[in-house]
């Protein structure tokens, strides 16, 4: 019996006033509320918003892969 998987990949953006790591975790937590079988993520962009010369919040764009079939 072979173990092959098929995946779908989507792009999401998470944000946080604290850190880019928290932005990633926020995005994945929201994604997990509506998508099952999350398997991996890839950070494709990191950016932020500046307020009064300081980081106001971080924004991280992720590609997230989830399994849609198993044969």
PDB file of N, CA and C in Angstrom:
ATOM      1  N   UNK A   1       0.847  -1.178   0.000  1.00  0.00           N
ATOM      2  CA  UNK A   1       0.000   0.000   0.000  1.00  0.00           C
ATOM      3  C   UNK A   1       0.895   1.245   0.000  1.00  0.00           C
ATOM      4  N   UNK A   2       0.761   2.071  -1.006  1.00  0.00           N
ATOM      5  CA  UNK A   2       1.580   3.277  -1.073  1.00  0.00           C
ATOM      6  C   UNK A   2       0.901   4.417  -0.319  1.00  0.00           C
ATOM      7  N   UNK A   3       1.716   5.391   0.021  1.00  0.00           N
ATOM      8  CA  UNK A   3       1.224   6.511   0.816  1.00  0.00           C
ATOM      9  C   UNK A   3       1.485   7.804   0.044  1.00  0.00           C
ATOM     10  N   UNK A   4       0.564   8.174  -0.839  1.00  0.00           N
ATOM     11  CA  UNK A   4       0.681   9.392  -1.642  1.00  0.00           C
ATOM     12  C   UNK A   4      -0.306  10.429  -1.126  1.00  0.00           C
ATOM     13  N   UNK A   5       0.112  11.664  -1.154  1.00  0.00           N
ATOM     14  CA  UNK A   5      -0.746  12.754  -0.689  1.00  0.00           C
ATOM     15  C   UNK A   5      -0.881  13.797  -1.785  1.00  0.00           C
ATOM     16  N   UNK A   6      -2.017  14.479  -1.773  1.00  0.00           N
ATOM     17  CA  UNK A   6      -2.245  15.623  -2.652  1.00  0.00           C
ATOM     18  C   UNK A   6      -2.528  16.821  -1.759  1.00  0.00           C
ATOM     19  N   UNK A   7      -1.928  17.952  -2.120  1.00  0.00           N
ATOM     20  CA  UNK A   7      -2.036  19.149  -1.297  1.00  0.00           C
ATOM     21  C   UNK A   7      -2.615  20.315  -2.084  1.00  0.00           C
ATOM     22  N   UNK A   8      -3.234  21.220  -1.384  1.00  0.00           N
ATOM     23  CA  UNK A   8      -3.641  22.511  -1.929  1.00  0.00           C
ATOM     24  C   UNK A   8      -2.843  23.556  -1.182  1.00  0.00           C
ATOM     25  N   UNK A   9      -2.518  24.647  -1.862  1.00  0.00           N
ATOM     26  CA  UNK A   9      -1.728  25.711  -1.266  1.00  0.00           C
ATOM     27  C   UNK A   9      -2.511  27.013  -1.384  1.00  0.00           C
ATOM     28  N   UNK A  10      -2.591  27.749  -0.267  1.00  0.00           N
ATOM     29  CA  UNK A  10      -3.261  29.046  -0.247  1.00  0.00           C
ATOM     30  C   UNK A  10      -2.303  30.085   0.317  1.00  0.00           C
ATOM     31  N   UNK A  11      -2.638  31.342   0.116  1.00  0.00           N
ATOM     32  CA  UNK A  11      -1.821  32.429   0.654  1.00  0.00           C
ATOM     33  C   UNK A  11      -2.654  33.208   1.656  1.00  0.00           C
ATOM     34  N   UNK A  12      -2.074  33.461   2.829  1.00  0.00           N
ATOM     35  CA  UNK A  12      -2.750  34.212   3.879  1.00  0.00           C
ATOM     36  C   UNK A  12      -1.781  35.249   4.443  1.00  0.00           C
ATOM     37  N   UNK A  13      -2.321  36.250   5.137  1.00  0.00           N
ATOM     38  CA  UNK A  13      -1.502  37.278   5.775  1.00  0.00           C
ATOM     39  C   UNK A  13      -1.902  37.375   7.239  1.00  0.00           C
ATOM     40  N   UNK A  14      -0.910  37.282   8.118  1.00  0.00           N
ATOM     41  CA  UNK A  14      -1.141  37.443   9.542  1.00  0.00           C
ATOM     42  C   UNK A  14      -0.507  38.736  10.018  1.00  0.00           C
ATOM     43  N   UNK A  15      -1.014  39.277  11.118  1.00  0.00           N
ATOM     44  CA  UNK A  15      -0.435  40.511  11.658  1.00  0.00           C
ATOM     45  C   UNK A  15      -0.371  40.432  13.176  1.00  0.00           C
ATOM     46  N   UNK A  16       0.508  41.272  13.726  1.00  0.00           N
ATOM     47  CA  UNK A  16       0.678  41.341  15.177  1.00  0.00           C
ATOM     48  C   UNK A  16       1.401  42.633  15.522  1.00  0.00           C
ATOM     49  N   UNK A  17       1.041  43.260  16.638  1.00  0.00           N
ATOM     50  CA  UNK A  17       1.796  44.422  17.099  1.00  0.00           C
ATOM     51  C   UNK A  17       3.065  44.017  17.862  1.00  0.00           C
ATOM     52  N   UNK A  18       3.229  42.726  18.140  1.00  0.00           N
ATOM     53  CA  UNK A  18       4.311  42.247  18.994  1.00  0.00           C
ATOM     54  C   UNK A  18       5.535  41.767  18.206  1.00  0.00           C
ATOM     55  N   UNK A  19       5.319  40.844  17.246  1.00  0.00           N
ATOM     56  CA  UNK A  19       6.453  40.260  16.528  1.00  0.00           C
ATOM     57  C   UNK A  19       5.995  39.568  15.250  1.00  0.00           C
ATOM     58  N   UNK A  20       6.953  39.282  14.388  1.00  0.00           N
ATOM     59  CA  UNK A  20       6.628  38.537  13.172  1.00  0.00           C
ATOM     60  C   UNK A  20       6.273  37.089  13.516  1.00  0.00           C
ATOM     61  N   UNK A  21       6.903  36.512  14.550  1.00  0.00           N
ATOM     62  CA  UNK A  21       6.545  35.157  14.965  1.00  0.00           C
ATOM     63  C   UNK A  21       5.091  35.087  15.421  1.00  0.00           C
ATOM     64  N   UNK A  22       4.657  36.099  16.172  1.00  0.00           N
ATOM     65  CA  UNK A  22       3.266  36.116  16.615  1.00  0.00           C
ATOM     66  C   UNK A  22       2.324  36.314  15.426  1.00  0.00           C
ATOM     67  N   UNK A  23       2.745  37.084  14.434  1.00  0.00           N
ATOM     68  CA  UNK A  23       1.934  37.264  13.225  1.00  0.00           C
ATOM     69  C   UNK A  23       1.739  35.928  12.517  1.00  0.00           C
ATOM     70  N   UNK A  24       2.795  35.120  12.459  1.00  0.00           N
ATOM     71  CA  UNK A  24       2.697  33.781  11.855  1.00  0.00           C
ATOM     72  C   UNK A  24       1.719  32.927  12.646  1.00  0.00           C
ATOM     73  N   UNK A  25       1.892  32.899  13.960  1.00  0.00           N
ATOM     74  CA  UNK A  25       1.009  32.085  14.797  1.00  0.00           C
ATOM     75  C   UNK A  25      -0.442  32.540  14.729  1.00  0.00           C
ATOM     76  N   UNK A  26      -0.680  33.851  14.681  1.00  0.00           N
ATOM     77  CA  UNK A  26      -2.045  34.369  14.548  1.00  0.00           C
ATOM     78  C   UNK A  26      -2.674  33.910  13.244  1.00  0.00           C
ATOM     79  N   UNK A  27      -1.912  33.990  12.154  1.00  0.00           N
ATOM     80  CA  UNK A  27      -2.435  33.581  10.843  1.00  0.00           C
ATOM     81  C   UNK A  27      -2.765  32.094  10.821  1.00  0.00           C
ATOM     82  N   UNK A  28      -1.864  31.274  11.348  1.00  0.00           N
ATOM     83  CA  UNK A  28      -2.104  29.828  11.343  1.00  0.00           C
ATOM     84  C   UNK A  28      -3.270  29.443  12.250  1.00  0.00           C
ATOM     85  N   UNK A  29      -3.407  30.120  13.382  1.00  0.00           N
ATOM     86  CA  UNK A  29      -4.525  29.824  14.288  1.00  0.00           C
ATOM     87  C   UNK A  29      -5.861  30.119  13.620  1.00  0.00           C
ATOM     88  N   UNK A  30      -5.956  31.250  12.923  1.00  0.00           N
ATOM     89  CA  UNK A  30      -7.198  31.585  12.214  1.00  0.00           C
ATOM     90  C   UNK A  30      -7.460  30.601  11.082  1.00  0.00           C
ATOM     91  N   UNK A  31      -6.422  30.255  10.366  1.00  0.00           N
ATOM     92  CA  UNK A  31      -6.540  29.321   9.248  1.00  0.00           C
ATOM     93  C   UNK A  31      -7.044  27.951   9.742  1.00  0.00           C
ATOM     94  N   UNK A  32      -6.530  27.513  10.871  1.00  0.00           N
ATOM     95  CA  UNK A  32      -6.905  26.206  11.423  1.00  0.00           C
ATOM     96  C   UNK A  32      -8.368  26.139  11.843  1.00  0.00           C
ATOM     97  N   UNK A  33      -9.011  27.287  12.021  1.00  0.00           N
ATOM     98  CA  UNK A  33     -10.431  27.298  12.386  1.00  0.00           C
ATOM     99  C   UNK A  33     -11.323  26.804  11.251  1.00  0.00           C
ATOM    100  N   UNK A  34     -10.864  26.963  10.002  1.00  0.00           N
ATOM    101  CA  UNK A  34     -11.728  26.600   8.878  1.00  0.00           C
ATOM    102  C   UNK A  34     -11.105  25.595   7.902  1.00  0.00           C
ATOM    103  N   UNK A  35      -9.831  25.267   8.077  1.00  0.00           N
ATOM    104  CA  UNK A  35      -9.166  24.339   7.160  1.00  0.00           C
ATOM    105  C   UNK A  35      -8.563  23.188   7.955  1.00  0.00           C
ATOM    106  N   UNK A  36      -8.879  21.974   7.531  1.00  0.00           N
ATOM    107  CA  UNK A  36      -8.336  20.780   8.183  1.00  0.00           C
ATOM    108  C   UNK A  36      -7.058  20.342   7.486  1.00  0.00           C
ATOM    109  N   UNK A  37      -6.316  19.492   8.130  1.00  0.00           N
ATOM    110  CA  UNK A  37      -5.133  18.827   7.569  1.00  0.00           C
ATOM    111  C   UNK A  37      -4.023  19.802   7.170  1.00  0.00           C
ATOM    112  N   UNK A  38      -3.855  20.884   7.934  1.00  0.00           N
ATOM    113  CA  UNK A  38      -2.741  21.790   7.669  1.00  0.00           C
ATOM    114  C   UNK A  38      -1.443  21.019   7.856  1.00  0.00           C
ATOM    115  N   UNK A  39      -0.515  21.177   6.910  1.00  0.00           N
ATOM    116  CA  UNK A  39       0.716  20.396   6.946  1.00  0.00           C
ATOM    117  C   UNK A  39       1.975  21.242   7.028  1.00  0.00           C
ATOM    118  N   UNK A  40       2.017  22.382   6.351  1.00  0.00           N
ATOM    119  CA  UNK A  40       3.253  23.163   6.282  1.00  0.00           C
ATOM    120  C   UNK A  40       2.946  24.610   5.932  1.00  0.00           C
ATOM    121  N   UNK A  41       3.937  25.478   6.161  1.00  0.00           N
ATOM    122  CA  UNK A  41       3.820  26.868   5.731  1.00  0.00           C
ATOM    123  C   UNK A  41       5.175  27.360   5.248  1.00  0.00           C
ATOM    124  N   UNK A  42       5.118  28.408   4.448  1.00  0.00           N
ATOM    125  CA  UNK A  42       6.315  29.054   3.918  1.00  0.00           C
ATOM    126  C   UNK A  42       6.124  30.561   4.058  1.00  0.00           C
ATOM    127  N   UNK A  43       7.066  31.245   4.667  1.00  0.00           N
ATOM    128  CA  UNK A  43       7.006  32.699   4.770  1.00  0.00           C
ATOM    129  C   UNK A  43       7.495  33.280   3.447  1.00  0.00           C
ATOM    130  N   UNK A  44       6.633  34.041   2.774  1.00  0.00           N
ATOM    131  CA  UNK A  44       7.012  34.599   1.471  1.00  0.00           C
ATOM    132  C   UNK A  44       7.269  36.098   1.517  1.00  0.00           C
ATOM    133  N   UNK A  45       6.788  36.755   2.571  1.00  0.00           N
ATOM    134  CA  UNK A  45       7.009  38.192   2.673  1.00  0.00           C
ATOM    135  C   UNK A  45       6.841  38.630   4.126  1.00  0.00           C
ATOM    136  N   UNK A  46       7.696  39.522   4.540  1.00  0.00           N
ATOM    137  CA  UNK A  46       7.567  40.145   5.859  1.00  0.00           C
ATOM    138  C   UNK A  46       7.596  41.650   5.664  1.00  0.00           C
ATOM    139  N   UNK A  47       6.629  42.319   6.242  1.00  0.00           N
ATOM    140  CA  UNK A  47       6.579  43.783   6.139  1.00  0.00           C
ATOM    141  C   UNK A  47       5.912  44.309   7.403  1.00  0.00           C
ATOM    142  N   UNK A  48       5.815  45.604   7.521  1.00  0.00           N
ATOM    143  CA  UNK A  48       5.197  46.156   8.711  1.00  0.00           C
ATOM    144  C   UNK A  48       4.687  47.559   8.486  1.00  0.00           C
ATOM    145  N   UNK A  49       4.033  48.052   9.488  1.00  0.00           N
ATOM    146  CA  UNK A  49       3.452  49.381   9.486  1.00  0.00           C
ATOM    147  C   UNK A  49       4.232  50.221  10.495  1.00  0.00           C
ATOM    148  N   UNK A  50       4.582  51.434  10.123  1.00  0.00           N
ATOM    149  CA  UNK A  50       5.372  52.308  10.983  1.00  0.00           C
ATOM    150  C   UNK A  50       4.466  53.366  11.602  1.00  0.00           C
ATOM    151  N   UNK A  51       4.580  53.531  12.905  1.00  0.00           N
ATOM    152  CA  UNK A  51       3.838  54.559  13.633  1.00  0.00           C
ATOM    153  C   UNK A  51       4.824  55.349  14.491  1.00  0.00           C
ATOM    154  N   UNK A  52       4.917  56.645  14.272  1.00  0.00           N
ATOM    155  CA  UNK A  52       5.801  57.513  15.057  1.00  0.00           C
ATOM    156  C   UNK A  52       7.253  57.019  15.055  1.00  0.00           C
ATOM    157  N   UNK A  53       7.699  56.557  13.897  1.00  0.00           N
ATOM    158  CA  UNK A  53       9.084  56.126  13.759  1.00  0.00           C
ATOM    159  C   UNK A  53       9.402  54.764  14.336  1.00  0.00           C
ATOM    160  N   UNK A  54       8.375  54.026  14.776  1.00  0.00           N
ATOM    161  CA  UNK A  54       8.575  52.690  15.354  1.00  0.00           C
ATOM    162  C   UNK A  54       7.636  51.704  14.677  1.00  0.00           C
ATOM    163  N   UNK A  55       7.914  50.429  14.887  1.00  0.00           N
ATOM    164  CA  UNK A  55       7.046  49.389  14.323  1.00  0.00           C
ATOM    165  C   UNK A  55       5.689  49.459  15.002  1.00  0.00           C
ATOM    166  N   UNK A  56       4.655  49.679  14.198  1.00  0.00           N
ATOM    167  CA  UNK A  56       3.283  49.675  14.704  1.00  0.00           C
ATOM    168  C   UNK A  56       2.718  48.268  14.751  1.00  0.00           C
ATOM    169  N   UNK A  57       2.941  47.531  13.684  1.00  0.00           N
ATOM    170  CA  UNK A  57       2.598  46.118  13.661  1.00  0.00           C
ATOM    171  C   UNK A  57       3.331  45.432  12.519  1.00  0.00           C
ATOM    172  N   UNK A  58       3.495  44.132  12.676  1.00  0.00           N
ATOM    173  CA  UNK A  58       4.166  43.283  11.693  1.00  0.00           C
ATOM    174  C   UNK A  58       3.120  42.599  10.837  1.00  0.00           C
ATOM    175  N   UNK A  59       3.431  42.410   9.569  1.00  0.00           N
ATOM    176  CA  UNK A  59       2.572  41.669   8.651  1.00  0.00           C
ATOM    177  C   UNK A  59       3.428  40.607   7.974  1.00  0.00           C
ATOM    178  N   UNK A  60       2.943  39.373   7.978  1.00  0.00           N
ATOM    179  CA  UNK A  60       3.685  38.268   7.385  1.00  0.00           C
ATOM    180  C   UNK A  60       2.777  37.530   6.409  1.00  0.00           C
ATOM    181  N   UNK A  61       3.231  37.407   5.164  1.00  0.00           N
ATOM    182  CA  UNK A  61       2.490  36.651   4.153  1.00  0.00           C
ATOM    183  C   UNK A  61       3.011  35.224   4.154  1.00  0.00           C
ATOM    184  N   UNK A  62       2.066  34.281   4.232  1.00  0.00           N
ATOM    185  CA  UNK A  62       2.408  32.868   4.270  1.00  0.00           C
ATOM    186  C   UNK A  62       1.734  32.123   3.127  1.00  0.00           C
ATOM    187  N   UNK A  63       2.404  31.135   2.603  1.00  0.00           N
ATOM    188  CA  UNK A  63       1.776  30.109   1.779  1.00  0.00           C
ATOM    189  C   UNK A  63       1.586  28.924   2.700  1.00  0.00           C
ATOM    190  N   UNK A  64       0.359  28.422   2.761  1.00  0.00           N
ATOM    191  CA  UNK A  64       0.022  27.326   3.667  1.00  0.00           C
ATOM    192  C   UNK A  64      -0.455  26.144   2.838  1.00  0.00           C
ATOM    193  N   UNK A  65       0.106  24.979   3.127  1.00  0.00           N
ATOM    194  CA  UNK A  65      -0.284  23.771   2.417  1.00  0.00           C
ATOM    195  C   UNK A  65      -1.115  22.870   3.312  1.00  0.00           C
ATOM    196  N   UNK A  66      -2.161  22.289   2.737  1.00  0.00           N
ATOM    197  CA  UNK A  66      -2.971  21.338   3.479  1.00  0.00           C
ATOM    198  C   UNK A  66      -3.327  20.166   2.587  1.00  0.00           C
ATOM    199  N   UNK A  67      -3.426  19.002   3.200  1.00  0.00           N
ATOM    200  CA  UNK A  67      -3.681  17.763   2.490  1.00  0.00           C
ATOM    201  C   UNK A  67      -5.149  17.683   2.102  1.00  0.00           C
ATOM    202  N   UNK A  68      -5.417  17.398   0.819  1.00  0.00           N
ATOM    203  CA  UNK A  68      -6.813  17.263   0.372  1.00  0.00           C
ATOM    204  C   UNK A  68      -7.156  15.834  -0.021  1.00  0.00           C
ATOM    205  N   UNK A  69      -6.139  14.983  -0.238  1.00  0.00           N
ATOM    206  CA  UNK A  69      -6.420  13.592  -0.604  1.00  0.00           C
ATOM    207  C   UNK A  69      -5.299  12.702  -0.103  1.00  0.00           C
ATOM    208  N   UNK A  70      -5.626  11.458   0.098  1.00  0.00           N
ATOM    209  CA  UNK A  70      -4.667  10.461   0.542  1.00  0.00           C
ATOM    210  C   UNK A  70      -4.973   9.170  -0.190  1.00  0.00           C
ATOM    211  N   UNK A  71      -4.046   8.711  -0.996  1.00  0.00           N
ATOM    212  CA  UNK A  71      -4.308   7.462  -1.723  1.00  0.00           C
ATOM    213  C   UNK A  71      -3.129   6.536  -1.645  1.00  0.00           C
TER     214      UNK A  71
END
